[in-house]
Amino acid sequence: MAREFSRTDRVGQQIHKEIASILQNEFKNRDPRLGMVTVSSVEVSRDLAHAKIYVTFFENDDELMKEYLTILEENKGYIRTLLASRMRMRAVPALKFVNDGSLIEGIRIANLVSETRNKDAERARLAGRETDEQDTAKPDEE
């Protein structure tokens, strides 16, 4: 029977949890310039020597997000030291912070889909047809 999760997955999950806690609690006191940030995922190399930490910032300004990434990169030694004190590993992976744009991209795509559906509904209304939304809104009377 194969294991459900590999060691790298388990280490990645633990790093994810610990880095999120570090950024939320300890790091805010060290550098208050860093705004709202969340850890969206962590990828650990197979040899456990490197970890990519994907972070999401709650900002729309590209320059500000670059500044936040710079702050994280400048302080990754401190964050790694805190991580080492929390995890029982022989060698803690080297950290690399990466901006995760998937949330912003997902919102952009959802807005495009909503816009397209609204345009289609408007065209159908002008043509005198009912749309799928109107069909599903009516309960079946059978």
N, C-alpha and C. Protein backbone atom coordinates (compact mmCIF):
# COMPACT_ATOMS: atom_id res chain seq x y z
N MET A 1 0.84 -1.18 0.00
CA MET A 1 0.00 0.00 0.00
C MET A 1 0.88 1.24 0.00
N ALA A 2 0.66 2.11 -0.94
CA ALA A 2 1.47 3.33 -1.07
C ALA A 2 1.00 4.38 -0.07
N ARG A 3 1.96 5.22 0.34
CA ARG A 3 1.61 6.31 1.25
C ARG A 3 0.80 7.36 0.50
N GLU A 4 -0.08 8.03 1.22
CA GLU A 4 -0.91 9.04 0.59
C GLU A 4 -0.11 10.28 0.22
N PHE A 5 0.79 10.69 1.11
CA PHE A 5 1.55 11.90 0.88
C PHE A 5 3.04 11.59 0.99
N SER A 6 3.81 12.19 0.11
CA SER A 6 5.25 11.99 0.18
C SER A 6 5.83 12.87 1.27
N ARG A 7 7.07 12.64 1.61
CA ARG A 7 7.74 13.44 2.63
C ARG A 7 7.80 14.91 2.21
N THR A 8 8.05 15.16 0.93
CA THR A 8 8.13 16.56 0.48
C THR A 8 6.79 17.26 0.65
N ASP A 9 5.70 16.55 0.42
CA ASP A 9 4.37 17.14 0.61
C ASP A 9 4.13 17.49 2.08
N ARG A 10 4.49 16.57 2.96
CA ARG A 10 4.30 16.82 4.39
C ARG A 10 5.17 17.97 4.88
N VAL A 11 6.42 18.00 4.43
CA VAL A 11 7.32 19.10 4.81
C VAL A 11 6.78 20.41 4.25
N GLY A 12 6.28 20.40 3.01
CA GLY A 12 5.71 21.60 2.40
C GLY A 12 4.51 22.12 3.17
N GLN A 13 3.66 21.21 3.61
CA GLN A 13 2.48 21.62 4.39
C GLN A 13 2.90 22.23 5.72
N GLN A 14 3.90 21.64 6.36
CA GLN A 14 4.36 22.16 7.64
C GLN A 14 5.02 23.53 7.46
N ILE A 15 5.83 23.67 6.41
CA ILE A 15 6.47 24.96 6.13
C ILE A 15 5.40 26.01 5.85
N HIS A 16 4.38 25.64 5.08
CA HIS A 16 3.28 26.55 4.77
C HIS A 16 2.64 27.08 6.06
N LYS A 17 2.33 26.18 6.96
CA LYS A 17 1.69 26.54 8.22
C LYS A 17 2.60 27.44 9.06
N GLU A 18 3.87 27.09 9.16
CA GLU A 18 4.79 27.84 10.01
C GLU A 18 5.12 29.21 9.43
N ILE A 19 5.35 29.29 8.12
CA ILE A 19 5.66 30.59 7.49
C ILE A 19 4.46 31.52 7.61
N ALA A 20 3.25 31.01 7.41
CA ALA A 20 2.05 31.83 7.56
C ALA A 20 1.96 32.39 8.97
N SER A 21 2.25 31.57 9.96
CA SER A 21 2.22 32.01 11.34
C SER A 21 3.32 33.03 11.62
N ILE A 22 4.50 32.80 11.10
CA ILE A 22 5.63 33.73 11.28
C ILE A 22 5.31 35.09 10.68
N LEU A 23 4.78 35.10 9.46
CA LEU A 23 4.47 36.38 8.81
C LEU A 23 3.35 37.11 9.54
N GLN A 24 2.41 36.38 10.07
CA GLN A 24 1.28 37.01 10.75
C GLN A 24 1.66 37.52 12.14
N ASN A 25 2.50 36.79 12.85
CA ASN A 25 2.79 37.14 14.24
C ASN A 25 4.13 37.83 14.44
N GLU A 26 5.24 37.13 14.22
CA GLU A 26 6.56 37.67 14.55
C GLU A 26 7.05 38.72 13.56
N PHE A 27 6.85 38.51 12.29
CA PHE A 27 7.46 39.39 11.29
C PHE A 27 6.84 40.78 11.27
N LYS A 28 5.57 40.90 11.61
CA LYS A 28 4.90 42.21 11.62
C LYS A 28 5.59 43.17 12.59
N ASN A 29 6.12 42.62 13.70
CA ASN A 29 6.82 43.47 14.67
C ASN A 29 8.18 43.91 14.16
N ARG A 30 8.83 43.08 13.35
CA ARG A 30 10.17 43.40 12.85
C ARG A 30 10.12 44.43 11.74
N ASP A 31 9.18 44.27 10.80
CA ASP A 31 9.09 45.19 9.66
C ASP A 31 7.63 45.53 9.40
N PRO A 32 7.15 46.63 9.97
CA PRO A 32 5.73 46.98 9.81
C PRO A 32 5.38 47.50 8.42
N ARG A 33 6.37 47.68 7.53
CA ARG A 33 6.08 48.15 6.17
C ARG A 33 5.32 47.11 5.36
N LEU A 34 5.47 45.85 5.73
CA LEU A 34 4.82 44.77 4.98
C LEU A 34 3.33 44.81 5.23
N GLY A 35 2.55 44.86 4.15
CA GLY A 35 1.09 44.90 4.26
C GLY A 35 0.51 43.52 4.46
N MET A 36 -0.76 43.39 4.12
CA MET A 36 -1.46 42.11 4.25
C MET A 36 -0.87 41.11 3.26
N VAL A 37 -0.43 39.99 3.77
CA VAL A 37 0.16 38.95 2.94
C VAL A 37 -0.31 37.60 3.44
N THR A 38 -0.58 36.70 2.50
CA THR A 38 -0.92 35.33 2.87
C THR A 38 -0.03 34.38 2.08
N VAL A 39 0.21 33.24 2.65
CA VAL A 39 0.97 32.19 1.97
C VAL A 39 -0.04 31.31 1.27
N SER A 40 0.01 31.31 -0.07
CA SER A 40 -0.99 30.52 -0.81
C SER A 40 -0.55 29.08 -1.03
N SER A 41 0.75 28.85 -1.21
CA SER A 41 1.23 27.47 -1.34
C SER A 41 2.75 27.45 -1.17
N VAL A 42 3.26 26.23 -1.00
CA VAL A 42 4.70 26.04 -0.85
C VAL A 42 5.10 24.83 -1.68
N GLU A 43 6.16 24.98 -2.46
CA GLU A 43 6.74 23.87 -3.22
C GLU A 43 8.11 23.58 -2.66
N VAL A 44 8.35 22.34 -2.27
CA VAL A 44 9.63 21.94 -1.73
C VAL A 44 10.31 21.02 -2.73
N SER A 45 11.62 21.22 -2.94
CA SER A 45 12.36 20.36 -3.87
C SER A 45 12.45 18.95 -3.28
N ARG A 46 12.73 17.99 -4.13
CA ARG A 46 12.75 16.60 -3.70
C ARG A 46 13.83 16.33 -2.66
N ASP A 47 14.94 17.07 -2.73
CA ASP A 47 16.01 16.88 -1.75
C ASP A 47 15.83 17.74 -0.50
N LEU A 48 14.70 18.45 -0.42
CA LEU A 48 14.35 19.30 0.72
C LEU A 48 15.34 20.44 0.96
N ALA A 49 16.08 20.82 -0.07
CA ALA A 49 17.07 21.89 0.08
C ALA A 49 16.50 23.26 -0.25
N HIS A 50 15.44 23.32 -1.05
CA HIS A 50 14.87 24.60 -1.48
C HIS A 50 13.36 24.57 -1.32
N ALA A 51 12.82 25.73 -0.99
CA ALA A 51 11.36 25.86 -0.87
C ALA A 51 10.94 27.16 -1.54
N LYS A 52 9.97 27.05 -2.45
CA LYS A 52 9.37 28.24 -3.06
C LYS A 52 8.10 28.53 -2.29
N ILE A 53 8.02 29.74 -1.74
CA ILE A 53 6.85 30.15 -0.99
C ILE A 53 6.07 31.11 -1.86
N TYR A 54 4.86 30.72 -2.26
CA TYR A 54 4.00 31.56 -3.08
C TYR A 54 3.14 32.41 -2.15
N VAL A 55 3.29 33.72 -2.29
CA VAL A 55 2.56 34.64 -1.41
C VAL A 55 1.61 35.50 -2.23
N THR A 56 0.50 35.87 -1.60
CA THR A 56 -0.50 36.72 -2.21
C THR A 56 -0.61 37.99 -1.38
N PHE A 57 -0.55 39.12 -2.06
CA PHE A 57 -0.68 40.41 -1.39
C PHE A 57 -2.04 40.98 -1.71
N PHE A 58 -2.65 41.63 -0.74
CA PHE A 58 -3.96 42.21 -0.95
C PHE A 58 -3.80 43.66 -1.39
N GLU A 59 -3.14 43.82 -2.52
CA GLU A 59 -2.89 45.13 -3.13
C GLU A 59 -3.05 44.98 -4.63
N ASN A 60 -3.42 46.07 -5.29
CA ASN A 60 -3.51 46.07 -6.75
C ASN A 60 -2.33 46.78 -7.39
N ASP A 61 -1.53 47.47 -6.60
CA ASP A 61 -0.42 48.26 -7.11
C ASP A 61 0.80 47.36 -7.32
N ASP A 62 1.26 47.26 -8.58
CA ASP A 62 2.41 46.40 -8.89
C ASP A 62 3.68 46.85 -8.19
N GLU A 63 3.90 48.15 -8.11
CA GLU A 63 5.10 48.67 -7.46
C GLU A 63 5.11 48.31 -5.97
N LEU A 64 3.98 48.41 -5.33
CA LEU A 64 3.89 48.08 -3.91
C LEU A 64 4.11 46.58 -3.69
N MET A 65 3.58 45.75 -4.58
CA MET A 65 3.79 44.31 -4.47
C MET A 65 5.26 43.96 -4.65
N LYS A 66 5.94 44.64 -5.58
CA LYS A 66 7.38 44.41 -5.77
C LYS A 66 8.15 44.82 -4.52
N GLU A 67 7.73 45.92 -3.89
CA GLU A 67 8.38 46.36 -2.66
C GLU A 67 8.19 45.33 -1.55
N TYR A 68 6.99 44.78 -1.44
CA TYR A 68 6.72 43.76 -0.43
C TYR A 68 7.57 42.52 -0.67
N LEU A 69 7.69 42.10 -1.94
CA LEU A 69 8.54 40.95 -2.25
C LEU A 69 9.99 41.22 -1.89
N THR A 70 10.45 42.45 -2.14
CA THR A 70 11.81 42.83 -1.79
C THR A 70 12.02 42.76 -0.28
N ILE A 71 11.02 43.22 0.48
CA ILE A 71 11.10 43.15 1.94
C ILE A 71 11.23 41.70 2.40
N LEU A 72 10.42 40.82 1.82
CA LEU A 72 10.48 39.40 2.18
C LEU A 72 11.83 38.79 1.81
N GLU A 73 12.32 39.11 0.62
CA GLU A 73 13.60 38.56 0.17
C GLU A 73 14.75 39.05 1.05
N GLU A 74 14.70 40.32 1.46
CA GLU A 74 15.75 40.87 2.32
C GLU A 74 15.75 40.22 3.70
N ASN A 75 14.60 39.78 4.15
CA ASN A 75 14.46 39.22 5.50
C ASN A 75 14.29 37.71 5.51
N LYS A 76 14.60 37.04 4.40
CA LYS A 76 14.37 35.60 4.35
C LYS A 76 15.30 34.84 5.30
N GLY A 77 16.47 35.39 5.62
CA GLY A 77 17.36 34.75 6.59
C GLY A 77 16.74 34.74 7.98
N TYR A 78 16.14 35.84 8.36
CA TYR A 78 15.46 35.93 9.66
C TYR A 78 14.27 34.97 9.70
N ILE A 79 13.51 34.94 8.62
CA ILE A 79 12.34 34.05 8.56
C ILE A 79 12.79 32.59 8.61
N ARG A 80 13.89 32.29 7.93
CA ARG A 80 14.41 30.92 7.93
C ARG A 80 14.90 30.53 9.33
N THR A 81 15.49 31.48 10.04
CA THR A 81 15.94 31.20 11.41
C THR A 81 14.76 30.87 12.31
N LEU A 82 13.69 31.66 12.20
CA LEU A 82 12.48 31.38 12.98
C LEU A 82 11.88 30.04 12.60
N LEU A 83 11.91 29.74 11.29
CA LEU A 83 11.38 28.45 10.81
C LEU A 83 12.19 27.29 11.38
N ALA A 84 13.51 27.46 11.42
CA ALA A 84 14.38 26.40 11.95
C ALA A 84 14.10 26.13 13.42
N SER A 85 13.75 27.17 14.16
CA SER A 85 13.46 26.96 15.59
C SER A 85 12.13 26.25 15.80
N ARG A 86 11.25 26.31 14.81
CA ARG A 86 9.92 25.70 14.95
C ARG A 86 9.86 24.29 14.37
N MET A 87 10.74 23.95 13.45
CA MET A 87 10.68 22.65 12.77
C MET A 87 11.84 21.77 13.21
N ARG A 88 11.57 20.48 13.32
CA ARG A 88 12.61 19.54 13.69
C ARG A 88 13.16 18.89 12.42
N MET A 89 14.09 19.60 11.81
CA MET A 89 14.74 19.10 10.59
C MET A 89 16.23 19.31 10.72
N ARG A 90 16.99 18.44 10.07
CA ARG A 90 18.44 18.61 10.09
C ARG A 90 18.83 19.87 9.35
N ALA A 91 18.28 20.07 8.18
CA ALA A 91 18.59 21.26 7.39
C ALA A 91 17.27 21.87 6.92
N VAL A 92 17.08 23.13 7.23
CA VAL A 92 15.87 23.84 6.81
C VAL A 92 16.09 24.33 5.38
N PRO A 93 15.12 24.17 4.51
CA PRO A 93 15.29 24.57 3.10
C PRO A 93 15.58 26.07 2.95
N ALA A 94 16.32 26.40 1.90
CA ALA A 94 16.52 27.80 1.51
C ALA A 94 15.19 28.31 0.98
N LEU A 95 14.84 29.54 1.35
CA LEU A 95 13.53 30.08 1.00
C LEU A 95 13.63 31.01 -0.20
N LYS A 96 12.62 30.93 -1.05
CA LYS A 96 12.49 31.84 -2.20
C LYS A 96 11.03 32.27 -2.23
N PHE A 97 10.80 33.58 -2.11
CA PHE A 97 9.43 34.10 -2.11
C PHE A 97 9.04 34.50 -3.53
N VAL A 98 7.84 34.07 -3.93
CA VAL A 98 7.34 34.31 -5.28
C VAL A 98 5.92 34.86 -5.16
N ASN A 99 5.63 35.88 -5.95
CA ASN A 99 4.28 36.44 -5.97
C ASN A 99 3.35 35.48 -6.70
N ASP A 100 2.25 35.13 -6.05
CA ASP A 100 1.27 34.23 -6.64
C ASP A 100 0.14 35.07 -7.25
N GLY A 101 0.13 35.17 -8.56
CA GLY A 101 -0.87 35.97 -9.25
C GLY A 101 -2.13 35.21 -9.58
N SER A 102 -2.28 33.99 -9.11
CA SER A 102 -3.44 33.17 -9.49
C SER A 102 -4.75 33.75 -8.95
N LEU A 103 -4.72 34.35 -7.77
CA LEU A 103 -5.94 34.93 -7.21
C LEU A 103 -6.42 36.09 -8.07
N ILE A 104 -5.52 36.98 -8.43
CA ILE A 104 -5.88 38.12 -9.27
C ILE A 104 -6.32 37.66 -10.66
N GLU A 105 -5.62 36.66 -11.19
CA GLU A 105 -5.99 36.13 -12.51
C GLU A 105 -7.36 35.45 -12.45
N GLY A 106 -7.64 34.75 -11.36
CA GLY A 106 -8.95 34.10 -11.19
C GLY A 106 -10.07 35.12 -11.13
N ILE A 107 -9.84 36.21 -10.42
CA ILE A 107 -10.85 37.28 -10.33
C ILE A 107 -11.07 37.91 -11.70
N ARG A 108 -9.97 38.12 -12.44
CA ARG A 108 -10.08 38.71 -13.78
C ARG A 108 -10.90 37.81 -14.70
N ILE A 109 -10.64 36.51 -14.67
CA ILE A 109 -11.37 35.56 -15.52
C ILE A 109 -12.83 35.48 -15.11
N ALA A 110 -13.11 35.47 -13.80
CA ALA A 110 -14.49 35.43 -13.33
C ALA A 110 -15.25 36.67 -13.79
N ASN A 111 -14.59 37.83 -13.76
CA ASN A 111 -15.24 39.06 -14.25
C ASN A 111 -15.52 38.99 -15.74
N LEU A 112 -14.58 38.42 -16.51
CA LEU A 112 -14.80 38.27 -17.95
C LEU A 112 -15.97 37.34 -18.24
N VAL A 113 -16.06 36.25 -17.49
CA VAL A 113 -17.16 35.30 -17.69
C VAL A 113 -18.50 35.96 -17.34
N SER A 114 -18.54 36.69 -16.23
CA SER A 114 -19.78 37.38 -15.84
C SER A 114 -20.18 38.41 -16.88
N GLU A 115 -19.21 39.15 -17.37
CA GLU A 115 -19.47 40.17 -18.39
C GLU A 115 -20.03 39.53 -19.66
N THR A 116 -19.44 38.42 -20.08
CA THR A 116 -19.89 37.73 -21.29
C THR A 116 -21.30 37.16 -21.09
N ARG A 117 -21.57 36.57 -19.93
CA ARG A 117 -22.91 36.03 -19.66
C ARG A 117 -23.95 37.14 -19.66
N ASN A 118 -23.61 38.29 -19.10
CA ASN A 118 -24.55 39.41 -19.08
C ASN A 118 -24.83 39.92 -20.49
N LYS A 119 -23.79 39.98 -21.32
CA LYS A 119 -23.97 40.41 -22.72
C LYS A 119 -24.85 39.42 -23.47
N ASP A 120 -24.61 38.12 -23.26
CA ASP A 120 -25.43 37.09 -23.92
C ASP A 120 -26.88 37.17 -23.47
N ALA A 121 -27.10 37.39 -22.18
CA ALA A 121 -28.47 37.50 -21.66
C ALA A 121 -29.17 38.72 -22.25
N GLU A 122 -28.42 39.81 -22.39
CA GLU A 122 -29.00 41.03 -22.97
C GLU A 122 -29.35 40.81 -24.44
N ARG A 123 -28.47 40.13 -25.18
CA ARG A 123 -28.75 39.84 -26.60
C ARG A 123 -29.97 38.94 -26.73
N ALA A 124 -30.07 37.94 -25.87
CA ALA A 124 -31.22 37.02 -25.90
C ALA A 124 -32.50 37.77 -25.56
N ARG A 125 -32.45 38.67 -24.61
CA ARG A 125 -33.62 39.44 -24.23
C ARG A 125 -34.06 40.33 -25.39
N LEU A 126 -33.10 40.97 -26.06
CA LEU A 126 -33.44 41.82 -27.20
C LEU A 126 -33.99 41.01 -28.36
N ALA A 127 -33.57 39.76 -28.49
CA ALA A 127 -34.06 38.90 -29.56
C ALA A 127 -35.38 38.23 -29.20
N GLY A 128 -35.83 38.40 -27.96
CA GLY A 128 -37.11 37.83 -27.54
C GLY A 128 -37.02 36.38 -27.10
N ARG A 129 -35.82 35.91 -26.79
CA ARG A 129 -35.65 34.53 -26.32
C ARG A 129 -35.41 34.53 -24.82
N GLU A 130 -35.75 33.37 -24.23
CA GLU A 130 -35.44 33.21 -22.81
C GLU A 130 -34.04 32.65 -22.68
N THR A 131 -33.35 33.03 -21.63
CA THR A 131 -31.99 32.52 -21.39
C THR A 131 -32.06 31.33 -20.46
N ASP A 132 -30.94 30.64 -20.32
CA ASP A 132 -30.84 29.50 -19.42
C ASP A 132 -31.10 29.92 -17.98
N GLU A 133 -30.66 31.11 -17.61
CA GLU A 133 -30.86 31.58 -16.24
C GLU A 133 -32.35 31.70 -15.94
N GLN A 134 -33.14 32.16 -16.91
CA GLN A 134 -34.57 32.29 -16.70
C GLN A 134 -35.23 30.91 -16.62
N ASP A 135 -34.71 29.96 -17.42
CA ASP A 135 -35.26 28.61 -17.40
C ASP A 135 -34.99 27.93 -16.06
N THR A 136 -33.82 28.12 -15.52
CA THR A 136 -33.49 27.46 -14.27
C THR A 136 -34.13 28.17 -13.08
N ALA A 137 -34.51 29.41 -13.24
CA ALA A 137 -35.14 30.14 -12.14
C ALA A 137 -36.57 29.67 -11.91
N LYS A 138 -37.23 29.14 -12.96
CA LYS A 138 -38.60 28.66 -12.83
C LYS A 138 -38.59 27.21 -12.35
N PRO A 139 -39.35 26.89 -11.30
CA PRO A 139 -39.41 25.50 -10.85
C PRO A 139 -40.25 24.66 -11.82
N ASP A 140 -39.87 23.42 -11.98
CA ASP A 140 -40.64 22.51 -12.83
C ASP A 140 -41.92 22.15 -12.13
N GLU A 141 -43.02 22.20 -12.89
CA GLU A 141 -44.33 21.89 -12.30
C GLU A 141 -44.85 20.58 -12.87
N GLU A 142 -44.20 19.52 -12.54
CA GLU A 142 -44.62 18.21 -13.03
C GLU A 142 -45.00 17.32 -11.89
